Amino acid sequence: MILVSACLLGVDCKYNGKNNEDHKVIDYLKDKQFVLVCPEQLGGLTTPRVPSEIVEGCGEAVLDRKARVIDKEGKDVTKNFIKGAYETLKIARLLNCSEAILKEKSPSCGTTIIYDGTFNNNLKQGLGVTAAILKREGINLKSENKL
């Protein structure tokens, strides 16, 4: 079973109420079993929502309580991102997911790069919060760019 960021399959769950539909991902999944998730919604955030970025680290540091996730208005939404990551992990465990296809650059789902926490469209190497917890679980991570 493959865990997939819902926005990649056209679900309007992105922070701005839109999606990141990706036909390469859709084609890849045609003959496979998969489950859709939006960790940010699972963490209790609304859609649409104020965009968020990880400051002072990346997803691993957030899980270790050494970094925070802050929205563009300055609100600390770290608890929502951690809750969403753990809820996603529950789904992955329940369905025996061995692979996850996640949205690159997302503070939840980024698999190799995320925004740097300045809200200036700058990127840095690192995992999002959910990607980090799934990697710790041994789940093979891919982004829409690496299929």
N, C-alpha and C. Protein backbone atom coordinates (compact mmCIF):
# COMPACT_ATOMS: atom_id res chain seq x y z
N MET A 1 0.85 -1.17 0.00
CA MET A 1 0.00 0.00 0.00
C MET A 1 0.90 1.24 0.00
N ILE A 2 0.48 2.24 -0.77
CA ILE A 2 1.25 3.48 -0.89
C ILE A 2 0.45 4.62 -0.26
N LEU A 3 1.10 5.38 0.59
CA LEU A 3 0.53 6.58 1.19
C LEU A 3 0.82 7.74 0.24
N VAL A 4 -0.18 8.59 -0.04
CA VAL A 4 0.00 9.66 -1.02
C VAL A 4 -0.56 10.98 -0.48
N SER A 5 0.20 12.06 -0.66
CA SER A 5 -0.31 13.39 -0.34
C SER A 5 -1.55 13.65 -1.20
N ALA A 6 -2.68 13.90 -0.55
CA ALA A 6 -3.96 14.06 -1.25
C ALA A 6 -3.93 15.17 -2.29
N CYS A 7 -3.20 16.23 -2.02
CA CYS A 7 -3.15 17.36 -2.97
C CYS A 7 -2.60 16.93 -4.32
N LEU A 8 -1.71 15.93 -4.34
CA LEU A 8 -1.11 15.47 -5.59
C LEU A 8 -2.12 14.78 -6.50
N LEU A 9 -3.22 14.32 -5.92
CA LEU A 9 -4.25 13.65 -6.72
C LEU A 9 -5.47 14.54 -6.95
N GLY A 10 -5.30 15.84 -6.71
CA GLY A 10 -6.35 16.79 -7.05
C GLY A 10 -7.29 17.16 -5.93
N VAL A 11 -7.05 16.70 -4.72
CA VAL A 11 -7.88 17.09 -3.59
C VAL A 11 -7.51 18.52 -3.18
N ASP A 12 -8.49 19.37 -3.05
CA ASP A 12 -8.26 20.77 -2.69
C ASP A 12 -8.01 20.91 -1.19
N CYS A 13 -6.81 20.53 -0.77
CA CYS A 13 -6.46 20.57 0.65
C CYS A 13 -5.20 21.39 0.90
N LYS A 14 -4.66 22.00 -0.13
CA LYS A 14 -3.47 22.84 -0.01
C LYS A 14 -3.80 24.07 0.85
N TYR A 15 -2.80 24.70 1.42
CA TYR A 15 -3.02 25.84 2.32
C TYR A 15 -3.92 26.91 1.70
N ASN A 16 -3.84 27.11 0.38
CA ASN A 16 -4.63 28.15 -0.28
C ASN A 16 -5.98 27.64 -0.79
N GLY A 17 -6.35 26.43 -0.42
CA GLY A 17 -7.62 25.86 -0.83
C GLY A 17 -7.59 25.20 -2.20
N LYS A 18 -6.41 25.15 -2.79
CA LYS A 18 -6.27 24.53 -4.11
C LYS A 18 -5.55 23.20 -3.97
N ASN A 19 -5.05 22.67 -5.08
CA ASN A 19 -4.37 21.37 -5.05
C ASN A 19 -3.09 21.42 -5.88
N ASN A 20 -2.36 20.35 -5.87
CA ASN A 20 -1.12 20.20 -6.64
C ASN A 20 -1.23 18.99 -7.57
N GLU A 21 -2.39 18.85 -8.21
CA GLU A 21 -2.62 17.68 -9.06
C GLU A 21 -1.44 17.43 -9.99
N ASP A 22 -0.97 16.19 -10.01
CA ASP A 22 0.20 15.82 -10.77
C ASP A 22 -0.11 14.55 -11.57
N HIS A 23 -0.20 14.68 -12.88
CA HIS A 23 -0.59 13.55 -13.72
C HIS A 23 0.45 12.44 -13.76
N LYS A 24 1.70 12.77 -13.50
CA LYS A 24 2.74 11.74 -13.41
C LYS A 24 2.46 10.83 -12.20
N VAL A 25 2.04 11.43 -11.09
CA VAL A 25 1.69 10.64 -9.90
C VAL A 25 0.45 9.81 -10.18
N ILE A 26 -0.55 10.42 -10.78
CA ILE A 26 -1.80 9.71 -11.10
C ILE A 26 -1.51 8.51 -11.99
N ASP A 27 -0.69 8.70 -13.02
CA ASP A 27 -0.33 7.59 -13.92
C ASP A 27 0.44 6.50 -13.17
N TYR A 28 1.36 6.90 -12.31
CA TYR A 28 2.16 5.95 -11.54
C TYR A 28 1.26 5.05 -10.68
N LEU A 29 0.19 5.61 -10.15
CA LEU A 29 -0.67 4.90 -9.20
C LEU A 29 -1.78 4.08 -9.87
N LYS A 30 -1.91 4.15 -11.18
CA LYS A 30 -3.05 3.52 -11.88
C LYS A 30 -3.28 2.06 -11.51
N ASP A 31 -2.24 1.28 -11.36
CA ASP A 31 -2.40 -0.15 -11.09
C ASP A 31 -1.93 -0.52 -9.68
N LYS A 32 -1.95 0.47 -8.78
CA LYS A 32 -1.45 0.24 -7.43
C LYS A 32 -2.52 0.57 -6.39
N GLN A 33 -2.37 0.01 -5.20
CA GLN A 33 -3.26 0.35 -4.09
C GLN A 33 -2.64 1.50 -3.32
N PHE A 34 -3.46 2.49 -2.98
CA PHE A 34 -2.95 3.66 -2.29
C PHE A 34 -4.03 4.26 -1.40
N VAL A 35 -3.57 5.10 -0.48
CA VAL A 35 -4.46 5.83 0.41
C VAL A 35 -4.02 7.29 0.42
N LEU A 36 -5.00 8.20 0.41
CA LEU A 36 -4.73 9.63 0.42
C LEU A 36 -4.70 10.17 1.83
N VAL A 37 -3.78 11.10 2.09
CA VAL A 37 -3.74 11.78 3.39
C VAL A 37 -3.39 13.25 3.19
N CYS A 38 -3.87 14.08 4.08
CA CYS A 38 -3.39 15.46 4.20
C CYS A 38 -3.03 15.64 5.67
N PRO A 39 -1.75 15.54 6.00
CA PRO A 39 -1.33 15.63 7.40
C PRO A 39 -1.77 16.93 8.08
N GLU A 40 -1.79 18.02 7.35
CA GLU A 40 -2.16 19.29 7.97
C GLU A 40 -3.63 19.29 8.37
N GLN A 41 -4.49 18.72 7.54
CA GLN A 41 -5.89 18.58 7.92
C GLN A 41 -6.03 17.59 9.07
N LEU A 42 -5.29 16.47 9.01
CA LEU A 42 -5.34 15.49 10.09
C LEU A 42 -4.87 16.09 11.41
N GLY A 43 -4.04 17.12 11.33
CA GLY A 43 -3.57 17.80 12.53
C GLY A 43 -4.51 18.87 13.04
N GLY A 44 -5.64 19.05 12.35
CA GLY A 44 -6.65 19.99 12.84
C GLY A 44 -6.63 21.36 12.18
N LEU A 45 -5.80 21.54 11.16
CA LEU A 45 -5.77 22.83 10.47
C LEU A 45 -6.86 22.89 9.41
N THR A 46 -7.37 24.07 9.16
CA THR A 46 -8.44 24.26 8.19
C THR A 46 -7.87 24.39 6.78
N THR A 47 -8.75 24.30 5.82
CA THR A 47 -8.42 24.59 4.43
C THR A 47 -9.47 25.57 3.93
N PRO A 48 -9.06 26.74 3.44
CA PRO A 48 -7.68 27.22 3.39
C PRO A 48 -7.15 27.56 4.78
N ARG A 49 -5.83 27.82 4.83
CA ARG A 49 -5.16 28.17 6.08
C ARG A 49 -3.98 29.08 5.76
N VAL A 50 -3.50 29.76 6.76
CA VAL A 50 -2.34 30.62 6.60
C VAL A 50 -1.13 29.72 6.32
N PRO A 51 -0.29 30.05 5.33
CA PRO A 51 0.88 29.19 5.06
C PRO A 51 1.83 29.13 6.25
N SER A 52 2.48 27.98 6.38
CA SER A 52 3.40 27.74 7.49
C SER A 52 4.75 27.28 6.97
N GLU A 53 5.78 27.54 7.78
CA GLU A 53 7.12 27.07 7.47
C GLU A 53 7.80 26.63 8.77
N ILE A 54 8.77 25.74 8.62
CA ILE A 54 9.56 25.29 9.76
C ILE A 54 10.69 26.30 9.99
N VAL A 55 10.82 26.75 11.22
CA VAL A 55 11.91 27.67 11.56
C VAL A 55 12.89 26.96 12.49
N GLU A 56 14.15 27.32 12.37
CA GLU A 56 15.20 26.80 13.25
C GLU A 56 15.44 25.30 13.08
N GLY A 57 15.26 24.78 11.89
CA GLY A 57 15.52 23.36 11.68
C GLY A 57 14.63 22.78 10.60
N CYS A 58 14.41 21.47 10.70
CA CYS A 58 13.53 20.79 9.75
C CYS A 58 12.66 19.80 10.51
N GLY A 59 12.00 18.91 9.78
CA GLY A 59 11.01 18.02 10.38
C GLY A 59 11.52 17.18 11.53
N GLU A 60 12.75 16.66 11.41
CA GLU A 60 13.30 15.87 12.50
C GLU A 60 13.42 16.70 13.77
N ALA A 61 13.88 17.93 13.62
CA ALA A 61 14.05 18.82 14.77
C ALA A 61 12.69 19.17 15.39
N VAL A 62 11.66 19.30 14.56
CA VAL A 62 10.32 19.56 15.09
C VAL A 62 9.86 18.38 15.94
N LEU A 63 10.05 17.16 15.43
CA LEU A 63 9.66 15.97 16.19
C LEU A 63 10.43 15.85 17.50
N ASP A 64 11.67 16.33 17.50
CA ASP A 64 12.52 16.28 18.70
C ASP A 64 12.34 17.51 19.58
N ARG A 65 11.38 18.34 19.23
CA ARG A 65 11.05 19.57 19.98
C ARG A 65 12.20 20.59 19.99
N LYS A 66 12.99 20.60 18.91
CA LYS A 66 14.10 21.55 18.80
C LYS A 66 13.86 22.61 17.75
N ALA A 67 12.73 22.52 17.04
CA ALA A 67 12.34 23.52 16.03
C ALA A 67 10.83 23.66 16.09
N ARG A 68 10.33 24.71 15.47
CA ARG A 68 8.89 24.99 15.50
C ARG A 68 8.36 25.20 14.09
N VAL A 69 7.05 25.05 13.97
CA VAL A 69 6.37 25.40 12.73
C VAL A 69 5.53 26.63 13.04
N ILE A 70 5.77 27.68 12.27
CA ILE A 70 5.11 28.97 12.49
C ILE A 70 4.36 29.35 11.22
N ASP A 71 3.15 29.91 11.39
CA ASP A 71 2.47 30.38 10.19
C ASP A 71 2.90 31.81 9.87
N LYS A 72 2.52 32.28 8.71
CA LYS A 72 2.98 33.58 8.22
C LYS A 72 2.53 34.74 9.09
N GLU A 73 1.50 34.52 9.92
CA GLU A 73 1.04 35.55 10.85
C GLU A 73 1.74 35.46 12.21
N GLY A 74 2.67 34.51 12.35
CA GLY A 74 3.43 34.37 13.58
C GLY A 74 2.86 33.38 14.60
N LYS A 75 1.78 32.71 14.26
CA LYS A 75 1.17 31.75 15.18
C LYS A 75 1.95 30.43 15.15
N ASP A 76 2.22 29.88 16.31
CA ASP A 76 2.91 28.60 16.43
C ASP A 76 1.91 27.47 16.18
N VAL A 77 2.11 26.73 15.11
CA VAL A 77 1.23 25.61 14.75
C VAL A 77 1.96 24.27 14.84
N THR A 78 3.03 24.25 15.62
CA THR A 78 3.84 23.05 15.77
C THR A 78 3.00 21.86 16.22
N LYS A 79 2.14 22.06 17.21
CA LYS A 79 1.32 20.95 17.73
C LYS A 79 0.45 20.35 16.64
N ASN A 80 -0.11 21.19 15.75
CA ASN A 80 -0.93 20.69 14.66
C ASN A 80 -0.11 19.82 13.70
N PHE A 81 1.10 20.26 13.39
CA PHE A 81 1.95 19.52 12.47
C PHE A 81 2.40 18.20 13.08
N ILE A 82 2.72 18.19 14.36
CA ILE A 82 3.11 16.95 15.02
C ILE A 82 1.92 15.99 15.10
N LYS A 83 0.76 16.52 15.46
CA LYS A 83 -0.45 15.67 15.52
C LYS A 83 -0.74 15.07 14.15
N GLY A 84 -0.67 15.88 13.10
CA GLY A 84 -0.92 15.38 11.74
C GLY A 84 0.07 14.32 11.33
N ALA A 85 1.32 14.48 11.74
CA ALA A 85 2.35 13.48 11.43
C ALA A 85 2.04 12.15 12.11
N TYR A 86 1.66 12.21 13.38
CA TYR A 86 1.34 10.98 14.11
C TYR A 86 0.06 10.33 13.58
N GLU A 87 -0.93 11.12 13.20
CA GLU A 87 -2.16 10.56 12.62
C GLU A 87 -1.86 9.89 11.28
N THR A 88 -1.00 10.51 10.49
CA THR A 88 -0.59 9.91 9.22
C THR A 88 0.17 8.62 9.47
N LEU A 89 1.03 8.61 10.47
CA LEU A 89 1.77 7.40 10.81
C LEU A 89 0.81 6.27 11.22
N LYS A 90 -0.24 6.60 11.97
CA LYS A 90 -1.23 5.58 12.35
C LYS A 90 -1.85 4.94 11.11
N ILE A 91 -2.20 5.77 10.12
CA ILE A 91 -2.79 5.26 8.88
C ILE A 91 -1.78 4.37 8.16
N ALA A 92 -0.54 4.83 8.08
CA ALA A 92 0.50 4.06 7.40
C ALA A 92 0.70 2.70 8.07
N ARG A 93 0.70 2.68 9.38
CA ARG A 93 0.87 1.41 10.10
C ARG A 93 -0.34 0.50 9.91
N LEU A 94 -1.52 1.07 10.03
CA LEU A 94 -2.76 0.31 9.91
C LEU A 94 -2.87 -0.37 8.55
N LEU A 95 -2.44 0.32 7.51
CA LEU A 95 -2.56 -0.19 6.15
C LEU A 95 -1.27 -0.81 5.62
N ASN A 96 -0.27 -0.92 6.49
CA ASN A 96 1.00 -1.54 6.12
C ASN A 96 1.66 -0.86 4.93
N CYS A 97 1.70 0.44 4.94
CA CYS A 97 2.30 1.19 3.83
C CYS A 97 3.82 1.05 3.88
N SER A 98 4.39 0.75 2.74
CA SER A 98 5.84 0.63 2.64
C SER A 98 6.46 1.78 1.85
N GLU A 99 5.60 2.56 1.22
CA GLU A 99 6.05 3.66 0.37
C GLU A 99 5.13 4.86 0.59
N ALA A 100 5.70 6.05 0.42
CA ALA A 100 4.90 7.27 0.50
C ALA A 100 5.34 8.22 -0.61
N ILE A 101 4.37 8.77 -1.32
CA ILE A 101 4.64 9.78 -2.33
C ILE A 101 4.10 11.09 -1.77
N LEU A 102 5.02 12.00 -1.48
CA LEU A 102 4.69 13.21 -0.74
C LEU A 102 5.05 14.46 -1.52
N LYS A 103 4.38 15.56 -1.23
CA LYS A 103 4.57 16.83 -1.92
C LYS A 103 5.85 17.51 -1.46
N GLU A 104 6.77 17.66 -2.39
CA GLU A 104 8.04 18.32 -2.10
C GLU A 104 7.80 19.77 -1.68
N LYS A 105 8.68 20.28 -0.83
CA LYS A 105 8.70 21.65 -0.31
C LYS A 105 7.72 21.90 0.83
N SER A 106 6.78 21.02 1.05
CA SER A 106 5.78 21.19 2.11
C SER A 106 6.40 21.04 3.49
N PRO A 107 5.97 21.87 4.47
CA PRO A 107 6.48 21.71 5.83
C PRO A 107 6.03 20.40 6.48
N SER A 108 5.02 19.76 5.91
CA SER A 108 4.63 18.43 6.36
C SER A 108 5.29 17.35 5.53
N CYS A 109 5.19 17.49 4.22
CA CYS A 109 5.48 16.39 3.31
C CYS A 109 6.78 16.47 2.54
N GLY A 110 7.52 17.54 2.63
CA GLY A 110 8.76 17.66 1.88
C GLY A 110 9.69 16.48 2.15
N THR A 111 10.22 15.88 1.07
CA THR A 111 11.06 14.69 1.24
C THR A 111 12.56 14.99 1.16
N THR A 112 12.93 16.11 0.55
CA THR A 112 14.35 16.49 0.48
C THR A 112 14.56 17.99 0.66
N ILE A 113 13.56 18.79 0.30
CA ILE A 113 13.68 20.24 0.46
C ILE A 113 12.39 20.82 1.01
N ILE A 114 12.55 21.87 1.82
CA ILE A 114 11.43 22.59 2.40
C ILE A 114 11.76 24.08 2.37
N TYR A 115 10.76 24.89 2.61
CA TYR A 115 11.02 26.33 2.71
C TYR A 115 11.77 26.62 4.00
N ASP A 116 12.55 27.69 4.01
CA ASP A 116 13.53 27.92 5.08
C ASP A 116 13.02 28.65 6.32
N GLY A 117 11.74 28.99 6.37
CA GLY A 117 11.19 29.61 7.56
C GLY A 117 11.17 31.13 7.52
N THR A 118 11.58 31.72 6.40
CA THR A 118 11.60 33.18 6.28
C THR A 118 10.41 33.73 5.49
N PHE A 119 9.65 32.86 4.87
CA PHE A 119 8.52 33.24 4.02
C PHE A 119 8.96 34.13 2.85
N ASN A 120 10.19 33.89 2.37
CA ASN A 120 10.72 34.63 1.22
C ASN A 120 10.95 33.71 0.02
N ASN A 121 10.28 32.55 0.01
CA ASN A 121 10.41 31.56 -1.06
C ASN A 121 11.81 30.96 -1.16
N ASN A 122 12.59 31.02 -0.07
CA ASN A 122 13.91 30.39 -0.03
C ASN A 122 13.75 28.95 0.41
N LEU A 123 14.55 28.07 -0.17
CA LEU A 123 14.49 26.65 0.15
C LEU A 123 15.73 26.21 0.91
N LYS A 124 15.59 25.10 1.66
CA LYS A 124 16.72 24.49 2.34
C LYS A 124 16.56 22.98 2.28
N GLN A 125 17.63 22.26 2.44
CA GLN A 125 17.60 20.81 2.50
C GLN A 125 16.89 20.40 3.78
N GLY A 126 16.09 19.36 3.71
CA GLY A 126 15.46 18.84 4.91
C GLY A 126 14.13 18.19 4.62
N LEU A 127 13.64 17.50 5.61
CA LEU A 127 12.35 16.82 5.55
C LEU A 127 11.28 17.64 6.23
N GLY A 128 10.04 17.50 5.76
CA GLY A 128 8.90 18.02 6.49
C GLY A 128 8.63 17.14 7.70
N VAL A 129 7.71 17.56 8.55
CA VAL A 129 7.44 16.85 9.81
C VAL A 129 6.91 15.44 9.56
N THR A 130 5.92 15.31 8.69
CA THR A 130 5.36 13.99 8.40
C THR A 130 6.37 13.11 7.68
N ALA A 131 7.08 13.68 6.74
CA ALA A 131 8.11 12.90 6.03
C ALA A 131 9.13 12.37 7.03
N ALA A 132 9.50 13.18 8.00
CA ALA A 132 10.49 12.75 9.00
C ALA A 132 10.00 11.57 9.82
N ILE A 133 8.75 11.62 10.24
CA ILE A 133 8.23 10.52 11.07
C ILE A 133 8.07 9.24 10.25
N LEU A 134 7.69 9.39 8.98
CA LEU A 134 7.56 8.21 8.11
C LEU A 134 8.93 7.60 7.82
N LYS A 135 9.93 8.45 7.62
CA LYS A 135 11.29 7.95 7.39
C LYS A 135 11.78 7.19 8.62
N ARG A 136 11.52 7.73 9.81
CA ARG A 136 11.91 7.03 11.04
C ARG A 136 11.26 5.65 11.13
N GLU A 137 10.09 5.53 10.56
CA GLU A 137 9.35 4.26 10.57
C GLU A 137 9.88 3.29 9.51
N GLY A 138 10.75 3.76 8.63
CA GLY A 138 11.32 2.91 7.59
C GLY A 138 10.52 2.90 6.29
N ILE A 139 9.62 3.83 6.15
CA ILE A 139 8.83 3.93 4.92
C ILE A 139 9.65 4.62 3.85
N ASN A 140 9.63 4.08 2.65
CA ASN A 140 10.37 4.62 1.52
C ASN A 140 9.68 5.89 1.03
N LEU A 141 10.39 7.01 1.07
CA LEU A 141 9.82 8.29 0.67
C LEU A 141 10.19 8.64 -0.76
N LYS A 142 9.20 9.17 -1.48
CA LYS A 142 9.41 9.71 -2.82
C LYS A 142 8.62 11.02 -2.91
N SER A 143 9.10 11.90 -3.75
CA SER A 143 8.32 13.10 -4.04
C SER A 143 7.74 12.95 -5.44
N GLU A 144 6.88 13.87 -5.79
CA GLU A 144 6.32 13.87 -7.15
C GLU A 144 7.40 14.05 -8.20
N ASN A 145 8.55 14.58 -7.79
CA ASN A 145 9.66 14.81 -8.72
C ASN A 145 10.56 13.59 -8.91
N LYS A 146 10.38 12.57 -8.10
CA LYS A 146 11.31 11.43 -8.10
C LYS A 146 10.63 10.09 -8.42
N LEU A 147 9.61 10.12 -9.25
CA LEU A 147 8.94 8.86 -9.60
C LEU A 147 9.66 8.19 -10.76
